[in-house]
PDB file of N, CA and C in Angstrom:
ATOM      1  N   MET A   1     -90.346   0.224-103.660  1.00  0.00           N
ATOM      2  CA  MET A   1     -89.576   0.346-105.115  1.00  0.00           C
ATOM      3  C   MET A   1     -88.175   0.360-105.037  1.00  0.00           C
ATOM      4  N   THR A   2     -87.000   0.031-105.836  1.00  0.00           N
ATOM      5  CA  THR A   2     -85.832  -0.366-105.704  1.00  0.00           C
ATOM      6  C   THR A   2     -85.753   1.311-106.925  1.00  0.00           C
ATOM      7  N   GLY A   3     -85.127   2.078-106.524  1.00  0.00           N
ATOM      8  CA  GLY A   3     -85.079   3.402-107.620  1.00  0.00           C
ATOM      9  C   GLY A   3     -85.911   4.591-107.387  1.00  0.00           C
ATOM     10  N   ARG A   4     -86.945   4.414-106.628  1.00  0.00           N
ATOM     11  CA  ARG A   4     -88.164   5.292-106.607  1.00  0.00           C
ATOM     12  C   ARG A   4     -87.490   6.254-105.635  1.00  0.00           C
ATOM     13  N   THR A   5     -87.882   7.754-106.531  1.00  0.00           N
ATOM     14  CA  THR A   5     -87.439   9.104-105.259  1.00  0.00           C
ATOM     15  C   THR A   5     -88.730   9.459-105.489  1.00  0.00           C
ATOM     16  N   VAL A   6     -88.610  10.363-104.065  1.00  0.00           N
ATOM     17  CA  VAL A   6     -89.762  10.989-103.878  1.00  0.00           C
ATOM     18  C   VAL A   6     -88.973  12.693-103.741  1.00  0.00           C
ATOM     19  N   ARG A   7     -89.868  13.588-104.107  1.00  0.00           N
ATOM     20  CA  ARG A   7     -89.563  15.184-103.936  1.00  0.00           C
ATOM     21  C   ARG A   7     -90.852  15.571-102.774  1.00  0.00           C
ATOM     22  N   LEU A   8     -90.469  16.767-101.998  1.00  0.00           N
ATOM     23  CA  LEU A   8     -91.051  17.304-101.370  1.00  0.00           C
ATOM     24  C   LEU A   8     -91.559  19.041-101.628  1.00  0.00           C
ATOM     25  N   LYS A   9     -92.017  19.060-101.776  1.00  0.00           N
ATOM     26  CA  LYS A   9     -92.846  20.879-101.525  1.00  0.00           C
ATOM     27  C   LYS A   9     -93.585  21.527-100.940  1.00  0.00           C
ATOM     28  N   ALA A  10     -93.352  22.613-100.555  1.00  0.00           N
ATOM     29  CA  ALA A  10     -94.485  23.022 -99.646  1.00  0.00           C
ATOM     30  C   ALA A  10     -94.426  24.470-100.396  1.00  0.00           C
ATOM     31  N   PHE A  11     -95.796  24.613 -99.776  1.00  0.00           N
ATOM     32  CA  PHE A  11     -96.682  25.568-100.631  1.00  0.00           C
ATOM     33  C   PHE A  11     -97.230  26.745 -99.403  1.00  0.00           C
ATOM     34  N   PRO A  12     -97.047  27.953 -99.254  1.00  0.00           N
ATOM     35  CA  PRO A  12     -97.557  28.666 -98.104  1.00  0.00           C
ATOM     36  C   PRO A  12     -99.157  28.662 -98.461  1.00  0.00           C
ATOM     37  N   THR A  13     -99.781  28.971 -97.439  1.00  0.00           N
ATOM     38  CA  THR A  13    -101.057  28.906 -97.567  1.00  0.00           C
ATOM     39  C   THR A  13    -101.923  29.990 -97.185  1.00  0.00           C
ATOM     40  N   GLY A  14    -100.790  31.218 -96.688  1.00  0.00           N
ATOM     41  CA  GLY A  14    -101.131  32.326 -96.557  1.00  0.00           C
ATOM     42  C   GLY A  14    -102.112  32.650 -94.930  1.00  0.00           C
ATOM     43  N   ARG A  15    -101.856  31.526 -94.229  1.00  0.00           N
ATOM     44  CA  ARG A  15    -102.352  31.615 -92.499  1.00  0.00           C
ATOM     45  C   ARG A  15    -101.471  31.538 -91.897  1.00  0.00           C
ATOM     46  N   THR A  16    -101.197  31.371 -90.579  1.00  0.00           N
ATOM     47  CA  THR A  16    -100.636  31.469 -89.488  1.00  0.00           C
ATOM     48  C   THR A  16    -100.705  30.314 -88.155  1.00  0.00           C
ATOM     49  N   ASN A  17    -100.062  29.962 -87.558  1.00  0.00           N
ATOM     50  CA  ASN A  17    -100.324  29.094 -85.826  1.00  0.00           C
ATOM     51  C   ASN A  17     -99.479  29.915 -85.372  1.00  0.00           C
ATOM     52  N   GLY A  18    -100.311  31.083 -84.695  1.00  0.00           N
ATOM     53  CA  GLY A  18     -99.910  32.359 -83.859  1.00  0.00           C
ATOM     54  C   GLY A  18     -99.090  33.545 -84.639  1.00  0.00           C
ATOM     55  N   GLU A  19     -97.462  33.313 -84.949  1.00  0.00           N
ATOM     56  CA  GLU A  19     -96.902  34.013 -85.715  1.00  0.00           C
ATOM     57  C   GLU A  19     -95.637  33.259 -86.536  1.00  0.00           C
ATOM     58  N   VAL A  20     -96.007  31.526 -86.567  1.00  0.00           N
ATOM     59  CA  VAL A  20     -95.840  30.885 -87.875  1.00  0.00           C
ATOM     60  C   VAL A  20     -96.297  30.747 -88.940  1.00  0.00           C
ATOM     61  N   PRO A  21     -96.294  30.995 -90.019  1.00  0.00           N
ATOM     62  CA  PRO A  21     -96.131  30.261 -91.511  1.00  0.00           C
ATOM     63  C   PRO A  21     -97.024  29.473 -91.690  1.00  0.00           C
ATOM     64  N   LEU A  22     -97.846  28.879 -92.347  1.00  0.00           N
ATOM     65  CA  LEU A  22     -98.190  27.552 -92.337  1.00  0.00           C
ATOM     66  C   LEU A  22     -98.191  26.947 -94.124  1.00  0.00           C
ATOM     67  N   PHE A  23     -97.537  26.337 -93.718  1.00  0.00           N
ATOM     68  CA  PHE A  23     -97.552  25.374 -95.577  1.00  0.00           C
ATOM     69  C   PHE A  23     -98.311  24.035 -95.833  1.00  0.00           C
ATOM     70  N   THR A  24     -98.854  24.043 -97.018  1.00  0.00           N
ATOM     71  CA  THR A  24     -99.248  22.465 -97.381  1.00  0.00           C
ATOM     72  C   THR A  24     -98.425  21.793 -98.038  1.00  0.00           C
ATOM     73  N   LEU A  25     -98.228  20.616 -97.736  1.00  0.00           N
ATOM     74  CA  LEU A  25     -96.527  19.365 -97.712  1.00  0.00           C
ATOM     75  C   LEU A  25     -97.473  18.950 -99.011  1.00  0.00           C
ATOM     76  N   TYR A  26     -96.415  18.570 -99.827  1.00  0.00           N
ATOM     77  CA  TYR A  26     -97.178  17.832-101.103  1.00  0.00           C
ATOM     78  C   TYR A  26     -95.779  16.568-101.131  1.00  0.00           C
ATOM     79  N   LEU A  27     -95.944  15.492-101.321  1.00  0.00           N
ATOM     80  CA  LEU A  27     -94.740  14.631-101.653  1.00  0.00           C
ATOM     81  C   LEU A  27     -95.114  14.017-103.225  1.00  0.00           C
ATOM     82  N   TYR A  28     -93.967  14.409-103.873  1.00  0.00           N
ATOM     83  CA  TYR A  28     -94.245  13.575-105.385  1.00  0.00           C
ATOM     84  C   TYR A  28     -93.116  12.538-106.154  1.00  0.00           C
ATOM     85  N   PRO A  29     -93.856  11.716-105.623  1.00  0.00           N
ATOM     86  CA  PRO A  29     -93.400  10.904-106.821  1.00  0.00           C
ATOM     87  C   PRO A  29     -92.479  10.232-107.686  1.00  0.00           C
ATOM     88  N   THR A  30     -92.060  10.122-108.215  1.00  0.00           N
ATOM     89  CA  THR A  30     -90.596  10.192-109.462  1.00  0.00           C
ATOM     90  C   THR A  30     -91.857   9.046-110.854  1.00  0.00           C
ATOM     91  N   SER A  31     -92.529   7.899-109.848  1.00  0.00           N
ATOM     92  CA  SER A  31     -92.722   6.866-110.416  1.00  0.00           C
ATOM     93  C   SER A  31     -94.330   7.165-110.826  1.00  0.00           C
ATOM     94  N   GLN A  32     -94.468   8.392-109.930  1.00  0.00           N
ATOM     95  CA  GLN A  32     -96.152   7.980-110.282  1.00  0.00           C
ATOM     96  C   GLN A  32     -96.669   9.551-110.662  1.00  0.00           C
ATOM     97  N   ALA A  33     -97.489   9.918-111.061  1.00  0.00           N
ATOM     98  CA  ALA A  33     -98.138  11.075-111.926  1.00  0.00           C
ATOM     99  C   ALA A  33     -99.060  12.157-110.991  1.00  0.00           C
ATOM    100  N   ASP A  34     -99.604  10.917-109.769  1.00  0.00           N
ATOM    101  CA  ASP A  34    -100.447  11.532-109.151  1.00  0.00           C
ATOM    102  C   ASP A  34     -99.179  12.019-107.569  1.00  0.00           C
ATOM    103  N   SER A  35     -99.352  13.422-107.164  1.00  0.00           N
ATOM    104  CA  SER A  35     -99.374  13.986-105.799  1.00  0.00           C
ATOM    105  C   SER A  35    -100.051  13.511-104.711  1.00  0.00           C
ATOM    106  N   LEU A  36     -99.428  13.936-103.369  1.00  0.00           N
ATOM    107  CA  LEU A  36     -99.682  12.738-102.266  1.00  0.00           C
ATOM    108  C   LEU A  36     -99.669  13.754-101.223  1.00  0.00           C
ATOM    109  N   LEU A  37    -100.916  14.532-100.694  1.00  0.00           N
ATOM    110  CA  LEU A  37    -101.420  15.610 -99.946  1.00  0.00           C
ATOM    111  C   LEU A  37    -100.290  15.194 -98.506  1.00  0.00           C
ATOM    112  N   VAL A  38     -99.998  15.575 -97.770  1.00  0.00           N
ATOM    113  CA  VAL A  38     -99.342  15.072 -96.701  1.00  0.00           C
ATOM    114  C   VAL A  38     -99.726  15.927 -95.471  1.00  0.00           C
ATOM    115  N   GLY A  39    -100.026  16.687 -95.631  1.00  0.00           N
ATOM    116  CA  GLY A  39    -100.642  17.686 -94.325  1.00  0.00           C
ATOM    117  C   GLY A  39    -100.420  19.152 -94.227  1.00  0.00           C
ATOM    118  N   GLU A  40    -101.077  20.074 -93.588  1.00  0.00           N
ATOM    119  CA  GLU A  40    -100.617  21.502 -92.598  1.00  0.00           C
ATOM    120  C   GLU A  40     -99.611  21.360 -92.198  1.00  0.00           C
ATOM    121  N   ASP A  41     -98.493  22.682 -92.295  1.00  0.00           N
ATOM    122  CA  ASP A  41     -97.298  22.542 -91.400  1.00  0.00           C
ATOM    123  C   ASP A  41     -96.785  23.766 -91.588  1.00  0.00           C
ATOM    124  N   THR A  42     -95.760  23.620 -90.438  1.00  0.00           N
ATOM    125  CA  THR A  42     -94.444  24.683 -90.518  1.00  0.00           C
ATOM    126  C   THR A  42     -93.765  24.160 -91.497  1.00  0.00           C
ATOM    127  N   GLU A  43     -92.831  25.389 -91.701  1.00  0.00           N
ATOM    128  CA  GLU A  43     -92.209  25.245 -93.264  1.00  0.00           C
ATOM    129  C   GLU A  43     -91.250  23.687 -93.055  1.00  0.00           C
ATOM    130  N   PRO A  44     -90.662  22.640 -93.553  1.00  0.00           N
ATOM    131  CA  PRO A  44     -90.424  21.942 -93.901  1.00  0.00           C
ATOM    132  C   PRO A  44     -88.793  21.857 -94.085  1.00  0.00           C
ATOM    133  N   SER A  45     -87.622  21.161 -93.547  1.00  0.00           N
ATOM    134  CA  SER A  45     -86.395  21.357 -93.887  1.00  0.00           C
ATOM    135  C   SER A  45     -85.739  19.695 -93.780  1.00  0.00           C
ATOM    136  N   LEU A  46     -85.217  19.211 -94.922  1.00  0.00           N
ATOM    137  CA  LEU A  46     -85.050  17.724 -95.158  1.00  0.00           C
ATOM    138  C   LEU A  46     -83.856  17.203 -94.143  1.00  0.00           C
ATOM    139  N   LEU A  47     -83.780  16.007 -94.064  1.00  0.00           N
ATOM    140  CA  LEU A  47     -83.028  15.569 -92.830  1.00  0.00           C
ATOM    141  C   LEU A  47     -82.153  14.585 -93.470  1.00  0.00           C
ATOM    142  N   GLU A  48     -80.553  15.030 -93.235  1.00  0.00           N
ATOM    143  CA  GLU A  48     -80.068  13.402 -94.595  1.00  0.00           C
ATOM    144  C   GLU A  48     -80.668  12.005 -93.531  1.00  0.00           C
ATOM    145  N   LEU A  49     -80.652  11.005 -94.959  1.00  0.00           N
ATOM    146  CA  LEU A  49     -80.756   9.219 -95.151  1.00  0.00           C
ATOM    147  C   LEU A  49     -80.283   8.808 -93.518  1.00  0.00           C
ATOM    148  N   ASP A  50     -79.057   9.521 -93.278  1.00  0.00           N
ATOM    149  CA  ASP A  50     -78.046   8.695 -92.678  1.00  0.00           C
ATOM    150  C   ASP A  50     -77.627   8.946 -91.143  1.00  0.00           C
ATOM    151  N   GLN A  51     -79.510   9.574 -90.929  1.00  0.00           N
ATOM    152  CA  GLN A  51     -79.825   9.870 -89.508  1.00  0.00           C
ATOM    153  C   GLN A  51     -80.565   9.226 -89.106  1.00  0.00           C
ATOM    154  N   ALA A  52     -81.379   8.252 -89.967  1.00  0.00           N
ATOM    155  CA  ALA A  52     -82.404   7.278 -89.747  1.00  0.00           C
ATOM    156  C   ALA A  52     -82.139   6.568 -88.514  1.00  0.00           C
ATOM    157  N   PRO A  53     -81.471   5.944 -88.440  1.00  0.00           N
ATOM    158  CA  PRO A  53     -81.207   4.891 -87.197  1.00  0.00           C
ATOM    159  C   PRO A  53     -80.802   5.517 -85.783  1.00  0.00           C
ATOM    160  N   ARG A  54     -79.927   6.844 -85.894  1.00  0.00           N
ATOM    161  CA  ARG A  54     -80.570   7.583 -84.774  1.00  0.00           C
ATOM    162  C   ARG A  54     -81.907   8.165 -84.436  1.00  0.00           C
ATOM    163  N   LEU A  55     -82.903   8.743 -85.927  1.00  0.00           N
ATOM    164  CA  LEU A  55     -83.763   8.932 -85.341  1.00  0.00           C
ATOM    165  C   LEU A  55     -84.849   7.331 -85.049  1.00  0.00           C
ATOM    166  N   GLN A  56     -84.793   6.749 -85.270  1.00  0.00           N
ATOM    167  CA  GLN A  56     -85.491   5.352 -85.092  1.00  0.00           C
ATOM    168  C   GLN A  56     -86.478   4.946 -86.347  1.00  0.00           C
ATOM    169  N   ILE A  57     -85.851   5.093 -87.251  1.00  0.00           N
ATOM    170  CA  ILE A  57     -86.718   5.044 -88.760  1.00  0.00           C
ATOM    171  C   ILE A  57     -85.844   4.218 -89.281  1.00  0.00           C
ATOM    172  N   PRO A  58     -86.528   3.291 -90.341  1.00  0.00           N
ATOM    173  CA  PRO A  58     -86.188   1.959 -90.963  1.00  0.00           C
ATOM    174  C   PRO A  58     -85.279   2.905 -91.823  1.00  0.00           C
ATOM    175  N   LEU A  59     -84.067   2.114 -92.381  1.00  0.00           N
ATOM    176  CA  LEU A  59     -83.300   2.166 -93.633  1.00  0.00           C
ATOM    177  C   LEU A  59     -83.920   2.194 -94.857  1.00  0.00           C
ATOM    178  N   SER A  60     -85.216   1.719 -94.839  1.00  0.00           N
ATOM    179  CA  SER A  60     -85.846   2.043 -95.963  1.00  0.00           C
ATOM    180  C   SER A  60     -86.496   3.252 -96.641  1.00  0.00           C
ATOM    181  N   ALA A  61     -86.382   3.861 -95.692  1.00  0.00           N
ATOM    182  CA  ALA A  61     -86.980   5.348 -96.057  1.00  0.00           C
ATOM    183  C   ALA A  61     -86.391   5.822 -97.151  1.00  0.00           C
ATOM    184  N   VAL A  62     -87.056   6.511 -98.280  1.00  0.00           N
ATOM    185  CA  VAL A  62     -86.312   7.376 -99.105  1.00  0.00           C
ATOM    186  C   VAL A  62     -86.326   9.091 -98.897  1.00  0.00           C
ATOM    187  N   LEU A  63     -86.975   9.297 -98.202  1.00  0.00           N
ATOM    188  CA  LEU A  63     -86.992  10.568 -97.795  1.00  0.00           C
ATOM    189  C   LEU A  63     -87.310  10.813 -95.506  1.00  0.00           C
ATOM    190  N   LEU A  64     -86.532  11.774 -95.346  1.00  0.00           N
ATOM    191  CA  LEU A  64     -86.791  12.283 -93.970  1.00  0.00           C
ATOM    192  C   LEU A  64     -87.021  13.851 -94.079  1.00  0.00           C
ATOM    193  N   PHE A  65     -87.747  14.611 -93.153  1.00  0.00           N
ATOM    194  CA  PHE A  65     -87.828  16.125 -93.189  1.00  0.00           C
ATOM    195  C   PHE A  65     -88.482  16.250 -91.681  1.00  0.00           C
ATOM    196  N   GLN A  66     -88.350  17.584 -91.297  1.00  0.00           N
ATOM    197  CA  GLN A  66     -88.951  17.872 -90.083  1.00  0.00           C
ATOM    198  C   GLN A  66     -89.630  19.010 -90.618  1.00  0.00           C
ATOM    199  N   THR A  67     -90.296  19.717 -89.076  1.00  0.00           N
ATOM    200  CA  THR A  67     -91.178  20.868 -89.237  1.00  0.00           C
ATOM    201  C   THR A  67     -90.613  21.411 -87.755  1.00  0.00           C
ATOM    202  N   TYR A  68     -90.424  22.191 -87.376  1.00  0.00           N
ATOM    203  CA  TYR A  68     -89.918  22.847 -86.158  1.00  0.00           C
ATOM    204  C   TYR A  68     -90.159  24.580 -85.636  1.00  0.00           C
ATOM    205  N   HIS A  69     -90.712  24.544 -84.861  1.00  0.00           N
ATOM    206  CA  HIS A  69     -90.829  25.658 -84.132  1.00  0.00           C
ATOM    207  C   HIS A  69     -91.106  26.246 -82.765  1.00  0.00           C
ATOM    208  N   ALA A  70     -90.354  26.928 -82.399  1.00  0.00           N
ATOM    209  CA  ALA A  70     -90.384  27.278 -80.847  1.00  0.00           C
ATOM    210  C   ALA A  70     -89.869  25.635 -80.021  1.00  0.00           C
ATOM    211  N   GLY A  71     -88.994  25.248 -80.189  1.00  0.00           N
ATOM    212  CA  GLY A  71     -88.888  24.034 -79.549  1.00  0.00           C
ATOM    213  C   GLY A  71     -89.463  22.796 -79.849  1.00  0.00           C
ATOM    214  N   ALA A  72     -90.827  22.840 -80.174  1.00  0.00           N
ATOM    215  CA  ALA A  72     -91.216  21.836 -81.070  1.00  0.00           C
ATOM    216  C   ALA A  72     -91.568  21.608 -82.574  1.00  0.00           C
ATOM    217  N   GLY A  73     -92.732  20.416 -82.439  1.00  0.00           N
ATOM    218  CA  GLY A  73     -92.380  20.194 -84.245  1.00  0.00           C
ATOM    219  C   GLY A  73     -93.136  18.752 -84.398  1.00  0.00           C
ATOM    220  N   SER A  74     -92.685  18.600 -85.488  1.00  0.00           N
ATOM    221  CA  SER A  74     -92.788  17.141 -86.652  1.00  0.00           C
ATOM    222  C   SER A  74     -91.730  16.750 -86.923  1.00  0.00           C
ATOM    223  N   GLN A  75     -91.253  15.278 -86.758  1.00  0.00           N
ATOM    224  CA  GLN A  75     -90.467  14.443 -87.505  1.00  0.00           C
ATOM    225  C   GLN A  75     -91.367  13.509 -88.700  1.00  0.00           C
ATOM    226  N   TYR A  76     -90.962  13.870 -90.064  1.00  0.00           N
ATOM    227  CA  TYR A  76     -91.816  12.743 -90.973  1.00  0.00           C
ATOM    228  C   TYR A  76     -90.579  12.320 -91.913  1.00  0.00           C
ATOM    229  N   TYR A  77     -91.267  10.639 -91.903  1.00  0.00           N
ATOM    230  CA  TYR A  77     -90.054   9.799 -93.208  1.00  0.00           C
ATOM    231  C   TYR A  77     -91.343   9.235 -94.197  1.00  0.00           C
ATOM    232  N   VAL A  78     -90.420   9.013 -94.883  1.00  0.00           N
ATOM    233  CA  VAL A  78     -91.631   8.458 -96.236  1.00  0.00           C
ATOM    234  C   VAL A  78     -90.783   7.121 -96.529  1.00  0.00           C
ATOM    235  N   ARG A  79     -91.731   5.951 -96.780  1.00  0.00           N
ATOM    236  CA  ARG A  79     -91.266   4.887 -97.788  1.00  0.00           C
ATOM    237  C   ARG A  79     -91.696   4.291 -98.695  1.00  0.00           C
ATOM    238  N   ALA A  80     -90.996   4.100 -99.670  1.00  0.00           N
ATOM    239  CA  ALA A  80     -91.397   3.405-100.835  1.00  0.00           C
ATOM    240  C   ALA A  80     -91.278   1.814-101.453  1.00  0.00           C
ATOM    241  N   ASP A  81     -90.439   1.498-100.790  1.00  0.00           N
ATOM    242  CA  ASP A  81     -89.725   0.039-101.177  1.00  0.00           C
ATOM    243  C   ASP A  81     -90.994  -0.692-100.907  1.00  0.00           C
ATOM    244  N   GLN A  82     -91.757  -0.998-100.684  1.00  0.00           N
ATOM    245  CA  GLN A  82     -92.891  -2.492-100.631  1.00  0.00           C
ATOM    246  C   GLN A  82     -94.098  -1.719-100.622  1.00  0.00           C
ATOM    247  N   GLY A  83     -94.946  -2.122-102.065  1.00  0.00           N
ATOM    248  CA  GLY A  83     -96.291  -1.247-102.299  1.00  0.00           C
ATOM    249  C   GLY A  83     -96.559   0.333-102.223  1.00  0.00           C
ATOM    250  N   PRO A  84     -97.198   0.542-101.623  1.00  0.00           N
ATOM    251  CA  PRO A  84     -97.898   2.253-101.555  1.00  0.00           C
ATOM    252  C   PRO A  84     -96.557   3.370-100.724  1.00  0.00           C
ATOM    253  N   VAL A  85     -96.949   4.456-101.420  1.00  0.00           N
ATOM    254  CA  VAL A  85     -95.973   5.295-100.784  1.00  0.00           C
ATOM    255  C   VAL A  85     -96.589   5.834 -99.567  1.00  0.00           C
ATOM    256  N   ARG A  86     -95.789   5.522 -97.968  1.00  0.00           N
ATOM    257  CA  ARG A  86     -96.508   5.860 -96.701  1.00  0.00           C
ATOM    258  C   ARG A  86     -95.639   6.882 -96.246  1.00  0.00           C
ATOM    259  N   VAL A  87     -96.209   7.561 -95.745  1.00  0.00           N
ATOM    260  CA  VAL A  87     -95.804   9.024 -95.028  1.00  0.00           C
ATOM    261  C   VAL A  87     -96.089   8.124 -93.078  1.00  0.00           C
ATOM    262  N   TYR A  88     -94.872   8.663 -92.378  1.00  0.00           N
ATOM    263  CA  TYR A  88     -95.487   8.733 -91.107  1.00  0.00           C
ATOM    264  C   TYR A  88     -94.597  10.142 -90.198  1.00  0.00           C
ATOM    265  N   ARG A  89     -95.578  10.296 -89.364  1.00  0.00           N
ATOM    266  CA  ARG A  89     -94.865  10.938 -89.047  1.00  0.00           C
ATOM    267  C   ARG A  89     -95.002  11.106 -87.118  1.00  0.00           C
ATOM    268  N   ARG A  90     -94.532  11.702 -86.364  1.00  0.00           N
ATOM    269  CA  ARG A  90     -94.665  12.012 -84.591  1.00  0.00           C
ATOM    270  C   ARG A  90     -94.012  13.224 -84.524  1.00  0.00           C
ATOM    271  N   ARG A  91     -95.190  13.460 -83.415  1.00  0.00           N
ATOM    272  CA  ARG A  91     -94.745  14.949 -82.902  1.00  0.00           C
ATOM    273  C   ARG A  91     -93.923  15.293 -81.843  1.00  0.00           C
ATOM    274  N   LEU A  92     -93.103  16.002 -81.420  1.00  0.00           N
ATOM    275  CA  LEU A  92     -92.113  16.502 -81.001  1.00  0.00           C
ATOM    276  C   LEU A  92     -92.032  17.590 -79.896  1.00  0.00           C
ATOM    277  N   GLU A  93     -92.535  17.479 -78.527  1.00  0.00           N
ATOM    278  CA  GLU A  93     -92.623  18.063 -77.890  1.00  0.00           C
ATOM    279  C   GLU A  93     -90.979  19.198 -77.213  1.00  0.00           C
ATOM    280  N   GLU A  94     -91.221  20.676 -77.256  1.00  0.00           N
ATOM    281  CA  GLU A  94     -90.046  21.114 -76.368  1.00  0.00           C
ATOM    282  C   GLU A  94     -89.597  20.423 -75.003  1.00  0.00           C
ATOM    283  N   ALA A  95     -88.231  20.325 -75.862  1.00  0.00           N
ATOM    284  CA  ALA A  95     -87.349  19.512 -74.254  1.00  0.00           C
ATOM    285  C   ALA A  95     -87.240  20.053 -73.054  1.00  0.00           C
ATOM    286  N   THR A  96     -87.298  19.583 -72.173  1.00  0.00           N
ATOM    287  CA  THR A  96     -87.850  20.349 -70.948  1.00  0.00           C
ATOM    288  C   THR A  96     -87.238  19.231 -69.695  1.00  0.00           C
ATOM    289  N   PRO A  97     -86.512  20.041 -68.798  1.00  0.00           N
ATOM    290  CA  PRO A  97     -85.871  18.976 -67.845  1.00  0.00           C
ATOM    291  C   PRO A  97     -87.316  18.109 -67.021  1.00  0.00           C
ATOM    292  N   ASP A  98     -89.009  17.934 -67.469  1.00  0.00           N
ATOM    293  CA  ASP A  98     -89.363  17.403 -67.044  1.00  0.00           C
ATOM    294  C   ASP A  98     -89.391  16.314 -67.978  1.00  0.00           C
ATOM    295  N   ASN A  99     -89.713  16.665 -69.300  1.00  0.00           N
ATOM    296  CA  ASN A  99     -89.897  15.597 -70.409  1.00  0.00           C
ATOM    297  C   ASN A  99     -88.505  15.263 -71.213  1.00  0.00           C
ATOM    298  N   GLU A 100     -87.582  15.465 -71.322  1.00  0.00           N
ATOM    299  CA  GLU A 100     -86.400  15.085 -71.575  1.00  0.00           C
ATOM    300  C   GLU A 100     -85.234  13.457 -71.738  1.00  0.00           C
ATOM    301  N   ALA A 101     -86.329  13.033 -70.168  1.00  0.00           N
ATOM    302  CA  ALA A 101     -85.544  11.855 -70.433  1.00  0.00           C
ATOM    303  C   ALA A 101     -86.578  10.379 -71.232  1.00  0.00           C
ATOM    304  N   ARG A 102     -88.078  11.591 -70.953  1.00  0.00           N
ATOM    305  CA  ARG A 102     -88.998   9.973 -71.909  1.00  0.00           C
ATOM    306  C   ARG A 102     -88.204   9.487 -73.227  1.00  0.00           C
ATOM    307  N   THR A 103     -89.197   8.627 -73.213  1.00  0.00           N
ATOM    308  CA  THR A 103     -89.320   7.985 -74.982  1.00  0.00           C
ATOM    309  C   THR A 103     -89.749   8.792 -75.901  1.00  0.00           C
ATOM    310  N   ARG A 104     -89.496   8.816 -77.477  1.00  0.00           N
ATOM    311  CA  ARG A 104     -89.768   9.485 -78.348  1.00  0.00           C
ATOM    312  C   ARG A 104     -91.619   9.121 -78.608  1.00  0.00           C
ATOM    313  N   PRO A 105     -92.598   9.966 -79.217  1.00  0.00           N
ATOM    314  CA  PRO A 105     -93.768   9.565 -79.448  1.00  0.00           C
ATOM    315  C   PRO A 105     -93.263   8.680 -80.942  1.00  0.00           C
ATOM    316  N   ALA A 106     -94.476   7.120 -80.216  1.00  0.00           N
ATOM    317  CA  ALA A 106     -94.535   6.516 -81.450  1.00  0.00           C
ATOM    318  C   ALA A 106     -94.651   6.819 -82.669  1.00  0.00           C
ATOM    319  N   TRP A 107     -94.435   6.370 -84.042  1.00  0.00           N
ATOM    320  CA  TRP A 107     -94.501   7.085 -85.235  1.00  0.00           C
ATOM    321  C   TRP A 107     -95.982   6.633 -85.604  1.00  0.00           C
ATOM    322  N   GLN A 108     -96.859   7.318 -86.489  1.00  0.00           N
ATOM    323  CA  GLN A 108     -98.337   7.158 -87.237  1.00  0.00           C
ATOM    324  C   GLN A 108     -97.996   7.252 -88.770  1.00  0.00           C
ATOM    325  N   MET A 109     -98.527   6.494 -89.238  1.00  0.00           N
ATOM    326  CA  MET A 109     -98.808   6.875 -90.686  1.00  0.00           C
ATOM    327  C   MET A 109    -100.274   7.879 -90.803  1.00  0.00           C
ATOM    328  N   VAL A 110     -99.602   9.067 -91.363  1.00  0.00           N
ATOM    329  CA  VAL A 110    -100.869  10.021 -92.111  1.00  0.00           C
ATOM    330  C   VAL A 110    -100.927   9.888 -92.958  1.00  0.00           C
ATOM    331  N   ALA A 111     -99.945   9.343 -94.669  1.00  0.00           N
ATOM    332  CA  ALA A 111    -100.854   9.874 -95.572  1.00  0.00           C
ATOM    333  C   ALA A 111    -100.032   8.378 -96.411  1.00  0.00           C
ATOM    334  N   GLN A 112    -101.001   8.222 -97.521  1.00  0.00           N
ATOM    335  CA  GLN A 112    -100.705   6.694 -98.498  1.00  0.00           C
ATOM    336  C   GLN A 112    -100.884   7.031 -99.572  1.00  0.00           C
ATOM    337  N   LEU A 113    -100.320   6.979-101.092  1.00  0.00           N
ATOM    338  CA  LEU A 113    -100.650   6.975-102.300  1.00  0.00           C
ATOM    339  C   LEU A 113    -100.799   5.470-102.551  1.00  0.00           C
ATOM    340  N   ASP A 114    -101.203   5.147-102.508  1.00  0.00           N
ATOM    341  CA  ASP A 114    -102.013   3.787-103.725  1.00  0.00           C
ATOM    342  C   ASP A 114    -101.344   3.452-105.083  1.00  0.00           C
ATOM    343  N   GLU A 115    -100.968   2.945-105.292  1.00  0.00           N
ATOM    344  CA  GLU A 115    -100.199   2.346-106.898  1.00  0.00           C
ATOM    345  C   GLU A 115    -101.527   1.948-108.002  1.00  0.00           C
TER     346      GLU A 115
END
């Protein structure tokens, strides 16, 4: 939908993954009363939408963010252009000489909020 915006909020769970605090990640589409649970991960940081082409993300994405710790993490993007709000994720490994030439993992849909 044109003009739809989505806010990301992260709430501490009180648990850790080793020494890293975990957060519950929610999206709040401005056009809907419901929130969308994305999942549990480390603290997210927003990315600029102009990074979409470099990250192999459709230009129709309305939000980009990542979680990161010790060289590994996940990248996320949100689409809200046609139909339901959808969240996609790919997990990234720490770059090493053995894996830096590999292609990035494929994107997988991890959450959807029906209208």
